[in-house]
N, C-alpha and C. Protein backbone atom coordinates (compact mmCIF):
# COMPACT_ATOMS: atom_id res chain seq x y z
N MET A 1 -30.60 18.64 38.50
CA MET A 1 -30.51 19.97 38.77
C MET A 1 -30.18 20.14 40.28
N THR A 2 -29.40 21.18 40.55
CA THR A 2 -28.80 21.29 41.66
C THR A 2 -29.54 22.21 42.69
N ASP A 3 -29.29 22.11 43.91
CA ASP A 3 -30.39 22.77 44.81
C ASP A 3 -30.30 24.31 44.54
N GLU A 4 -29.15 24.87 43.97
CA GLU A 4 -29.00 26.36 43.80
C GLU A 4 -29.87 26.64 42.42
N THR A 5 -29.84 25.74 41.52
CA THR A 5 -30.68 25.96 40.30
C THR A 5 -32.26 25.92 40.65
N LYS A 6 -32.43 24.96 41.53
CA LYS A 6 -33.91 24.81 41.75
C LYS A 6 -34.43 26.24 42.50
N TYR A 7 -33.55 26.65 43.41
CA TYR A 7 -33.83 27.96 44.11
C TYR A 7 -33.97 28.89 43.12
N LYS A 8 -33.24 29.31 42.30
CA LYS A 8 -33.36 30.50 41.42
C LYS A 8 -34.59 30.14 40.57
N PHE A 9 -34.73 28.89 40.07
CA PHE A 9 -36.10 28.56 39.30
C PHE A 9 -37.25 29.07 39.93
N ASN A 10 -37.36 28.62 41.59
CA ASN A 10 -38.53 28.74 42.19
C ASN A 10 -38.55 30.34 42.37
N LYS A 11 -37.51 30.99 42.45
CA LYS A 11 -37.44 32.33 42.71
C LYS A 11 -37.96 33.26 41.41
N ILE A 12 -37.69 32.78 40.31
CA ILE A 12 -38.07 33.49 39.02
C ILE A 12 -39.61 33.28 38.72
N ILE A 13 -39.97 31.99 38.96
CA ILE A 13 -41.27 31.77 38.63
C ILE A 13 -42.33 32.55 39.35
N LYS A 14 -42.01 33.30 40.62
CA LYS A 14 -42.58 34.08 41.30
C LYS A 14 -42.92 35.35 40.97
N VAL A 15 -42.00 35.83 39.98
CA VAL A 15 -42.06 37.20 39.64
C VAL A 15 -43.11 37.45 38.72
N PRO A 16 -43.84 38.44 38.68
CA PRO A 16 -45.13 38.44 38.06
C PRO A 16 -44.79 38.84 36.50
N ALA A 17 -43.77 39.68 36.26
CA ALA A 17 -43.14 40.02 34.85
C ALA A 17 -42.98 38.70 34.10
N PHE A 18 -42.10 37.86 34.76
CA PHE A 18 -41.94 36.54 34.15
C PHE A 18 -43.07 35.81 33.84
N LEU A 19 -43.87 35.75 34.78
CA LEU A 19 -45.12 34.93 34.36
C LEU A 19 -46.17 35.73 33.34
N GLY A 20 -46.17 36.86 33.44
CA GLY A 20 -46.91 37.63 32.25
C GLY A 20 -46.18 37.43 31.00
N ILE A 21 -44.99 37.36 30.69
CA ILE A 21 -44.20 37.10 29.49
C ILE A 21 -44.54 35.78 29.05
N LEU A 22 -44.35 34.69 30.11
CA LEU A 22 -44.59 33.36 29.89
C LEU A 22 -46.04 33.07 29.23
N ILE A 23 -46.93 33.70 30.03
CA ILE A 23 -48.50 33.47 29.70
C ILE A 23 -48.61 34.14 28.26
N GLY A 24 -47.92 35.17 28.08
CA GLY A 24 -48.20 35.88 26.68
C GLY A 24 -47.74 35.06 25.59
N PHE A 25 -46.36 34.53 25.90
CA PHE A 25 -45.75 33.56 24.88
C PHE A 25 -46.79 32.41 24.61
N PHE A 26 -47.27 31.82 25.57
CA PHE A 26 -48.17 30.60 25.41
C PHE A 26 -49.46 30.97 24.74
N ALA A 27 -49.89 32.14 25.02
CA ALA A 27 -51.29 32.70 24.37
C ALA A 27 -50.85 33.03 22.95
N ALA A 28 -49.78 33.32 22.53
CA ALA A 28 -49.45 33.82 21.01
C ALA A 28 -49.17 32.41 20.55
N LEU A 29 -48.75 31.58 21.15
CA LEU A 29 -48.39 30.22 20.47
C LEU A 29 -49.82 29.57 20.20
N ILE A 30 -50.76 29.51 21.33
CA ILE A 30 -52.09 28.81 21.05
C ILE A 30 -52.73 29.78 19.99
N GLN A 31 -52.75 30.99 19.93
CA GLN A 31 -53.28 31.88 18.94
C GLN A 31 -52.79 31.35 17.28
N ALA A 32 -51.59 31.21 17.42
CA ALA A 32 -50.89 30.67 16.02
C ALA A 32 -51.39 29.46 15.68
N LEU A 33 -51.51 28.39 16.60
CA LEU A 33 -52.11 27.07 16.31
C LEU A 33 -53.62 27.15 16.05
N ILE A 34 -54.41 28.18 16.58
CA ILE A 34 -55.92 28.17 16.45
C ILE A 34 -56.04 28.61 15.00
N ILE A 35 -55.55 29.81 14.74
CA ILE A 35 -55.45 30.27 13.25
C ILE A 35 -55.21 29.33 12.35
N SER A 36 -54.26 28.59 12.46
CA SER A 36 -53.83 27.54 11.40
C SER A 36 -54.74 26.45 11.34
N ALA A 37 -55.52 26.06 12.52
CA ALA A 37 -56.47 25.04 12.55
C ALA A 37 -57.92 25.73 11.89
N GLY A 38 -57.73 27.10 11.47
CA GLY A 38 -59.11 27.60 10.88
C GLY A 38 -59.91 28.51 11.93
N GLY A 39 -59.28 28.69 12.97
CA GLY A 39 -59.91 29.62 13.99
C GLY A 39 -59.99 31.12 13.51
N PRO A 40 -60.65 31.85 14.24
CA PRO A 40 -60.71 33.34 13.92
C PRO A 40 -59.45 34.10 14.67
N GLU A 41 -59.12 35.17 13.88
CA GLU A 41 -58.03 35.95 14.57
C GLU A 41 -58.46 36.39 15.98
N ALA A 42 -57.49 36.76 16.73
CA ALA A 42 -57.60 37.06 18.04
C ALA A 42 -58.57 36.17 18.88
N TYR A 43 -58.33 34.93 18.87
CA TYR A 43 -59.41 33.98 19.51
C TYR A 43 -58.42 33.09 20.56
N GLY A 44 -57.21 33.47 20.67
CA GLY A 44 -56.24 32.54 21.37
C GLY A 44 -56.78 32.43 22.89
N PHE A 45 -57.19 33.49 23.61
CA PHE A 45 -57.81 33.36 24.88
C PHE A 45 -58.77 34.47 25.14
N CYS A 46 -59.90 34.01 24.94
CA CYS A 46 -61.09 35.02 25.08
C CYS A 46 -62.15 34.47 26.07
N VAL A 47 -62.04 34.96 27.23
CA VAL A 47 -63.02 34.66 28.45
C VAL A 47 -64.54 34.51 27.85
N ALA A 48 -64.90 35.58 26.95
CA ALA A 48 -66.30 35.83 26.74
C ALA A 48 -66.77 34.72 25.59
N CYS A 49 -65.94 34.72 24.44
CA CYS A 49 -66.08 33.86 23.35
C CYS A 49 -65.91 32.32 23.81
N HIS A 50 -65.00 32.16 24.46
CA HIS A 50 -64.90 30.70 25.07
C HIS A 50 -65.89 30.18 25.86
N THR A 51 -66.39 30.89 26.53
CA THR A 51 -67.58 30.66 27.68
C THR A 51 -68.76 30.38 26.66
N ARG A 52 -69.06 31.36 25.80
CA ARG A 52 -70.19 31.45 24.88
C ARG A 52 -70.08 30.02 24.07
N ASP A 53 -68.88 29.74 23.72
CA ASP A 53 -68.82 28.33 22.79
C ASP A 53 -69.09 27.27 23.60
N LEU A 54 -68.46 27.25 24.78
CA LEU A 54 -68.67 25.98 25.72
C LEU A 54 -70.15 25.85 26.00
N VAL A 55 -70.71 26.93 26.55
CA VAL A 55 -72.20 26.82 26.67
C VAL A 55 -72.98 26.51 25.46
N ASN A 56 -72.81 26.99 24.29
CA ASN A 56 -73.48 26.65 23.19
C ASN A 56 -73.18 25.19 22.70
N VAL A 57 -72.19 24.62 22.87
CA VAL A 57 -71.82 23.31 22.58
C VAL A 57 -72.48 22.28 23.66
N ILE A 58 -72.60 22.60 24.81
CA ILE A 58 -73.28 21.93 25.85
C ILE A 58 -74.79 22.03 25.46
N PHE A 59 -75.38 23.28 25.31
CA PHE A 59 -76.57 23.31 24.86
C PHE A 59 -77.09 22.56 23.57
N ASN A 60 -76.22 22.69 22.25
CA ASN A 60 -76.49 21.86 21.31
C ASN A 60 -76.57 20.45 21.41
N ALA A 61 -75.62 19.91 22.57
CA ALA A 61 -75.44 18.41 22.42
C ALA A 61 -76.94 17.94 23.33
N PHE A 62 -77.47 18.78 24.37
CA PHE A 62 -78.38 18.38 24.99
C PHE A 62 -80.02 18.64 24.22
N THR A 63 -79.82 19.60 23.41
CA THR A 63 -81.22 19.84 22.87
C THR A 63 -81.16 19.68 21.38
N GLY A 64 -80.10 19.43 20.86
CA GLY A 64 -80.05 19.24 19.40
C GLY A 64 -80.37 20.36 18.51
N ASP A 65 -80.25 21.63 19.12
CA ASP A 65 -80.04 22.81 18.42
C ASP A 65 -78.84 23.01 17.83
N ASN A 66 -78.91 24.08 17.12
CA ASN A 66 -77.49 24.50 16.41
C ASN A 66 -77.27 25.90 16.47
N LEU A 67 -77.11 26.15 17.91
CA LEU A 67 -76.31 27.67 18.13
C LEU A 67 -75.18 27.79 17.58
N GLY A 68 -74.77 28.92 17.40
CA GLY A 68 -73.46 29.44 16.75
C GLY A 68 -72.23 29.07 17.32
N LEU A 69 -71.34 28.76 16.72
CA LEU A 69 -69.96 28.50 17.44
C LEU A 69 -68.82 28.99 16.51
N ALA A 70 -67.71 29.41 17.02
CA ALA A 70 -66.63 29.48 16.05
C ALA A 70 -66.21 28.41 15.38
N PRO A 71 -65.70 28.54 14.22
CA PRO A 71 -65.25 27.29 13.64
C PRO A 71 -64.46 26.29 14.45
N ILE A 72 -63.53 26.96 15.06
CA ILE A 72 -62.45 25.91 15.83
C ILE A 72 -63.47 25.24 16.98
N SER A 73 -64.37 25.79 17.66
CA SER A 73 -65.03 25.21 18.71
C SER A 73 -65.89 23.99 18.18
N ALA A 74 -66.29 24.12 16.87
CA ALA A 74 -67.11 23.12 16.30
C ALA A 74 -66.54 21.94 16.22
N ALA A 75 -64.95 22.14 16.06
CA ALA A 75 -64.24 20.86 15.83
C ALA A 75 -63.80 20.46 17.16
N THR A 76 -63.25 21.29 18.09
CA THR A 76 -62.65 20.73 19.46
C THR A 76 -63.32 21.73 20.50
N PRO A 77 -63.80 21.08 21.53
CA PRO A 77 -64.26 22.06 22.67
C PRO A 77 -63.20 22.94 23.27
N VAL A 78 -63.66 24.15 23.48
CA VAL A 78 -62.61 25.23 24.08
C VAL A 78 -62.88 24.97 25.39
N LEU A 79 -61.78 24.51 26.19
CA LEU A 79 -62.10 24.26 27.68
C LEU A 79 -61.20 25.25 28.56
N THR A 80 -60.72 26.31 27.82
CA THR A 80 -59.89 27.36 28.49
C THR A 80 -60.41 27.73 29.88
N ILE A 81 -61.87 28.19 29.80
CA ILE A 81 -62.70 28.67 31.00
C ILE A 81 -62.42 27.65 32.05
N VAL A 82 -62.70 26.25 31.88
CA VAL A 82 -62.41 25.38 32.91
C VAL A 82 -61.17 25.44 33.59
N GLY A 83 -60.32 25.59 32.65
CA GLY A 83 -58.94 25.69 32.99
C GLY A 83 -58.50 26.73 34.06
N VAL A 84 -59.03 28.00 33.39
CA VAL A 84 -59.00 29.31 34.42
C VAL A 84 -59.57 29.08 35.70
N MET A 85 -60.62 28.39 35.79
CA MET A 85 -61.53 28.29 36.99
C MET A 85 -60.60 27.41 38.01
N ILE A 86 -60.12 26.32 37.44
CA ILE A 86 -59.59 25.09 38.12
C ILE A 86 -58.14 25.69 38.55
N GLY A 87 -57.49 26.35 37.72
CA GLY A 87 -56.25 26.80 37.97
C GLY A 87 -56.21 27.96 39.03
N GLY A 88 -57.30 28.91 38.90
CA GLY A 88 -57.67 29.79 39.95
C GLY A 88 -57.72 29.49 41.33
N TYR A 89 -58.57 28.49 41.35
CA TYR A 89 -58.93 27.57 42.70
C TYR A 89 -57.56 27.19 43.34
N ILE A 90 -56.90 26.17 42.56
CA ILE A 90 -55.66 25.68 42.93
C ILE A 90 -54.86 26.71 43.29
N ALA A 91 -54.55 27.80 42.62
CA ALA A 91 -53.66 28.74 43.15
C ALA A 91 -54.17 29.72 44.51
N ALA A 92 -55.39 29.87 44.50
CA ALA A 92 -55.78 30.71 45.66
C ALA A 92 -55.78 29.63 46.93
N THR A 93 -56.03 28.24 46.70
CA THR A 93 -55.95 27.39 47.77
C THR A 93 -54.44 27.02 48.32
N ARG A 94 -53.79 26.95 47.27
CA ARG A 94 -52.21 26.93 47.58
C ARG A 94 -51.87 27.87 48.40
N ASN A 95 -52.07 29.10 48.03
CA ASN A 95 -51.57 30.46 48.66
C ASN A 95 -52.44 30.95 49.88
N LYS A 96 -53.44 30.10 50.35
CA LYS A 96 -54.34 30.38 51.35
C LYS A 96 -55.18 31.57 51.26
N GLU A 97 -55.59 31.84 49.99
CA GLU A 97 -56.18 33.02 49.62
C GLU A 97 -57.68 32.93 49.45
N PHE A 98 -57.99 31.32 49.21
CA PHE A 98 -59.32 31.22 48.91
C PHE A 98 -60.37 31.24 50.28
N LYS A 99 -61.38 32.19 50.12
CA LYS A 99 -62.40 32.24 51.23
C LYS A 99 -63.74 32.42 50.53
N LEU A 100 -64.55 31.80 51.23
CA LEU A 100 -66.08 31.80 50.75
C LEU A 100 -66.59 33.10 51.43
N LYS A 101 -67.15 33.84 50.78
CA LYS A 101 -67.80 35.12 51.35
C LYS A 101 -69.17 34.98 51.83
N LYS A 102 -69.56 35.14 52.96
CA LYS A 102 -70.89 34.82 53.52
C LYS A 102 -71.66 36.07 53.49
N SER A 103 -72.74 36.10 52.71
CA SER A 103 -73.54 37.32 52.53
C SER A 103 -75.10 36.94 52.55
N LYS A 104 -75.81 37.97 52.16
CA LYS A 104 -77.23 37.50 52.01
C LYS A 104 -77.53 37.09 50.68
N PRO A 105 -78.71 36.37 50.33
CA PRO A 105 -78.72 35.79 48.91
C PRO A 105 -78.92 36.79 47.88
N VAL A 106 -79.36 38.08 48.17
CA VAL A 106 -79.58 38.72 47.30
C VAL A 106 -78.40 39.37 46.76
N ILE A 107 -77.20 39.24 47.50
CA ILE A 107 -75.91 40.00 47.12
C ILE A 107 -75.30 38.91 46.18
N TYR A 108 -75.57 37.62 46.38
CA TYR A 108 -75.24 36.44 45.49
C TYR A 108 -75.94 36.73 44.05
N LEU A 109 -77.14 37.04 44.18
CA LEU A 109 -77.92 37.32 42.88
C LEU A 109 -77.30 38.46 42.18
N LEU A 110 -77.10 39.50 42.90
CA LEU A 110 -76.47 40.64 42.15
C LEU A 110 -75.16 40.29 41.66
N TYR A 111 -74.25 39.61 42.32
CA TYR A 111 -72.94 38.93 41.64
C TYR A 111 -73.35 38.16 40.38
N PHE A 112 -74.27 37.38 40.48
CA PHE A 112 -74.59 36.42 39.23
C PHE A 112 -75.05 37.14 38.19
N LEU A 113 -75.92 38.17 38.48
CA LEU A 113 -76.66 39.05 37.35
C LEU A 113 -75.45 40.07 36.88
N GLY A 114 -74.55 40.58 37.49
CA GLY A 114 -73.53 41.32 37.23
C GLY A 114 -72.46 40.48 36.23
N GLY A 115 -72.40 39.34 36.67
CA GLY A 115 -71.42 38.55 35.50
C GLY A 115 -72.11 38.25 34.36
N ILE A 116 -73.49 37.94 34.31
CA ILE A 116 -74.04 37.79 32.95
C ILE A 116 -73.98 38.99 32.31
N ALA A 117 -74.26 40.10 32.88
CA ALA A 117 -74.47 41.51 31.97
C ALA A 117 -72.77 41.89 31.69
N VAL A 118 -71.61 41.52 32.21
CA VAL A 118 -70.41 41.64 31.86
C VAL A 118 -70.13 40.73 30.78
N LEU A 119 -70.77 39.51 30.70
CA LEU A 119 -70.45 38.63 29.54
C LEU A 119 -71.18 39.05 28.36
N ASN A 120 -72.39 39.50 28.73
CA ASN A 120 -73.16 40.07 27.42
C ASN A 120 -72.73 41.19 26.99
N PHE A 121 -72.18 42.31 27.77
CA PHE A 121 -71.51 43.31 26.99
C PHE A 121 -70.19 42.89 26.44
N ALA A 122 -69.42 42.04 26.81
CA ALA A 122 -68.27 41.72 26.26
C ALA A 122 -68.72 41.15 24.94
N LEU A 123 -69.88 40.39 25.06
CA LEU A 123 -70.18 39.67 23.49
C LEU A 123 -70.68 40.87 22.48
N ILE A 124 -71.30 41.77 22.99
CA ILE A 124 -71.73 42.71 22.16
C ILE A 124 -70.28 43.68 21.66
N LEU A 125 -69.48 43.61 22.47
CA LEU A 125 -67.99 44.39 21.93
C LEU A 125 -67.66 43.32 20.98
N GLY A 126 -67.58 42.14 21.13
CA GLY A 126 -67.08 41.14 20.33
C GLY A 126 -65.65 40.70 21.06
N ALA A 127 -65.40 41.01 22.02
CA ALA A 127 -64.55 40.45 22.92
C ALA A 127 -64.33 40.56 24.30
N CYS A 128 -63.81 40.05 25.02
CA CYS A 128 -63.37 40.26 26.50
C CYS A 128 -62.12 41.10 26.61
N PRO A 129 -61.76 41.65 27.67
CA PRO A 129 -60.63 42.63 27.63
C PRO A 129 -59.30 41.82 26.96
N TYR A 130 -59.16 40.64 27.23
CA TYR A 130 -58.01 40.05 26.66
C TYR A 130 -57.94 39.89 25.09
N ARG A 131 -59.16 39.56 24.63
CA ARG A 131 -59.28 39.34 23.22
C ARG A 131 -59.35 41.04 22.56
N ALA A 132 -59.74 41.97 23.14
CA ALA A 132 -59.83 43.15 22.97
C ALA A 132 -58.60 43.81 22.56
N ALA A 133 -57.63 43.57 23.61
CA ALA A 133 -56.28 43.90 23.53
C ALA A 133 -55.59 43.11 22.26
N LEU A 134 -55.97 41.91 21.96
CA LEU A 134 -55.45 41.24 20.75
C LEU A 134 -56.03 41.94 19.60
N ARG A 135 -57.20 42.20 19.66
CA ARG A 135 -57.90 42.95 18.39
C ARG A 135 -57.30 44.31 18.31
N PHE A 136 -56.96 45.04 19.25
CA PHE A 136 -56.27 46.25 19.09
C PHE A 136 -55.01 46.22 18.45
N ALA A 137 -54.23 45.19 18.97
CA ALA A 137 -52.90 44.88 18.41
C ALA A 137 -53.02 44.38 16.86
N TYR A 138 -53.98 44.01 16.47
CA TYR A 138 -54.36 43.71 15.00
C TYR A 138 -54.85 45.19 14.42
N GLY A 139 -55.03 46.18 14.96
CA GLY A 139 -55.22 47.22 14.32
C GLY A 139 -56.67 47.71 14.23
N ASP A 140 -57.63 47.19 15.23
CA ASP A 140 -59.06 47.24 15.46
C ASP A 140 -59.21 48.37 16.33
N LEU A 141 -59.73 49.58 15.84
CA LEU A 141 -59.88 50.60 16.64
C LEU A 141 -61.38 50.48 17.65
N VAL A 142 -62.03 49.69 17.13
CA VAL A 142 -63.51 49.37 17.78
C VAL A 142 -63.05 48.82 19.24
N ALA A 143 -61.94 47.99 19.10
CA ALA A 143 -61.43 47.27 20.28
C ALA A 143 -61.00 48.15 21.22
N LEU A 144 -60.17 49.39 20.63
CA LEU A 144 -59.67 50.33 21.77
C LEU A 144 -60.92 51.15 22.21
N ILE A 145 -62.04 51.33 21.63
CA ILE A 145 -63.12 51.95 22.29
C ILE A 145 -63.71 51.12 23.30
N GLY A 146 -63.80 49.78 23.14
CA GLY A 146 -64.15 48.89 23.92
C GLY A 146 -63.13 48.87 25.25
N ILE A 147 -61.88 48.75 25.05
CA ILE A 147 -61.02 49.06 26.26
C ILE A 147 -61.16 50.27 27.10
N ILE A 148 -61.42 51.33 26.36
CA ILE A 148 -61.60 52.56 26.93
C ILE A 148 -62.93 52.47 27.89
N SER A 149 -63.89 51.90 27.27
CA SER A 149 -65.39 51.64 27.81
C SER A 149 -65.03 50.87 29.17
N ILE A 150 -64.40 49.63 28.93
CA ILE A 150 -64.21 48.77 30.08
C ILE A 150 -63.40 49.58 31.21
N ALA A 151 -62.37 50.48 30.91
CA ALA A 151 -61.78 51.21 31.84
C ALA A 151 -62.63 52.12 32.55
N GLY A 152 -63.34 52.75 31.82
CA GLY A 152 -64.60 53.80 32.51
C GLY A 152 -65.44 53.04 33.28
N GLY A 153 -65.91 51.81 33.03
CA GLY A 153 -66.84 51.14 33.95
C GLY A 153 -66.27 50.68 35.13
N VAL A 154 -64.78 50.35 35.11
CA VAL A 154 -64.19 49.94 36.21
C VAL A 154 -64.07 51.11 37.12
N ALA A 155 -63.79 52.42 36.62
CA ALA A 155 -63.68 53.76 37.46
C ALA A 155 -64.73 53.94 38.01
N VAL A 156 -66.03 53.86 37.28
CA VAL A 156 -67.40 54.05 38.07
C VAL A 156 -67.58 53.15 38.96
N GLY A 157 -67.42 51.88 38.72
CA GLY A 157 -67.46 50.94 39.94
C GLY A 157 -66.75 51.09 40.98
N VAL A 158 -65.58 51.79 40.92
CA VAL A 158 -64.74 52.02 42.06
C VAL A 158 -65.23 53.12 42.71
N LEU A 159 -65.69 54.17 41.85
CA LEU A 159 -66.19 55.16 42.61
C LEU A 159 -67.49 54.94 43.44
N ILE A 160 -68.35 54.04 42.84
CA ILE A 160 -69.54 53.69 43.64
C ILE A 160 -69.07 52.80 45.06
N LEU A 161 -67.95 52.02 45.00
CA LEU A 161 -67.60 51.34 46.02
C LEU A 161 -67.08 52.38 47.17
N LEU A 162 -66.40 53.34 46.67
CA LEU A 162 -65.84 54.32 47.56
C LEU A 162 -66.70 55.03 48.26
N PHE A 163 -67.83 55.41 47.41
CA PHE A 163 -69.00 56.25 47.94
C PHE A 163 -69.84 55.35 48.95
N THR A 164 -70.03 54.07 48.72
CA THR A 164 -70.62 53.11 49.74
C THR A 164 -69.77 52.91 51.01
N ILE A 165 -68.73 52.80 50.76
CA ILE A 165 -67.62 52.62 52.10
C ILE A 165 -67.88 53.92 52.84
N LYS A 166 -67.66 55.14 52.25
CA LYS A 166 -67.69 56.47 52.85
C LYS A 166 -68.96 56.50 53.54
N ARG A 167 -70.03 56.24 52.90
CA ARG A 167 -71.35 56.45 53.55
C ARG A 167 -71.56 55.61 54.72
N ARG A 168 -71.18 54.51 54.78
CA ARG A 168 -71.32 53.48 55.91
C ARG A 168 -70.27 53.73 56.92
N GLY A 169 -69.30 54.54 56.74
CA GLY A 169 -68.25 54.88 57.58
C GLY A 169 -67.39 53.68 57.83
N ILE A 170 -67.07 53.01 57.03
CA ILE A 170 -66.15 51.86 57.17
C ILE A 170 -64.80 52.41 56.84
N ASN A 171 -63.75 52.28 57.54
CA ASN A 171 -62.43 52.64 57.33
C ASN A 171 -61.65 51.56 56.78
């Protein structure tokens, strides 16, 4: 590989659209492999479902219970969540964007409870935003309602943040 080819390759992998297409291709490939292995439709990359299955596998192993799992998770553990966390940490550290936020313990508790609420609402919907988009692509209109609800929740959250910033006089 010549220096010019390396330069072009390094330049193109930093384009968000290219990375989005690449990730979409691999997600579709993984989805096809999972369905062929007996997995559910639209399960290729679901933050909520994979987290639930990972927690349930660990809980079942330690307690001997039989909490529900997707059929594919019963055969092989789904470690996409671990990969997402490690990959996000590596990317943030490499680009010097990783910063620990110092705040009061109550703020950390609110973040934690907010995360639990988001995961539970995603499981009530039956999908995280990624899987909801895949389900909508399969023709599931309930997923569209979920996507619209997620967008509404984000809009309300942004309005609350803007109100808080305005009230405190932060520019």
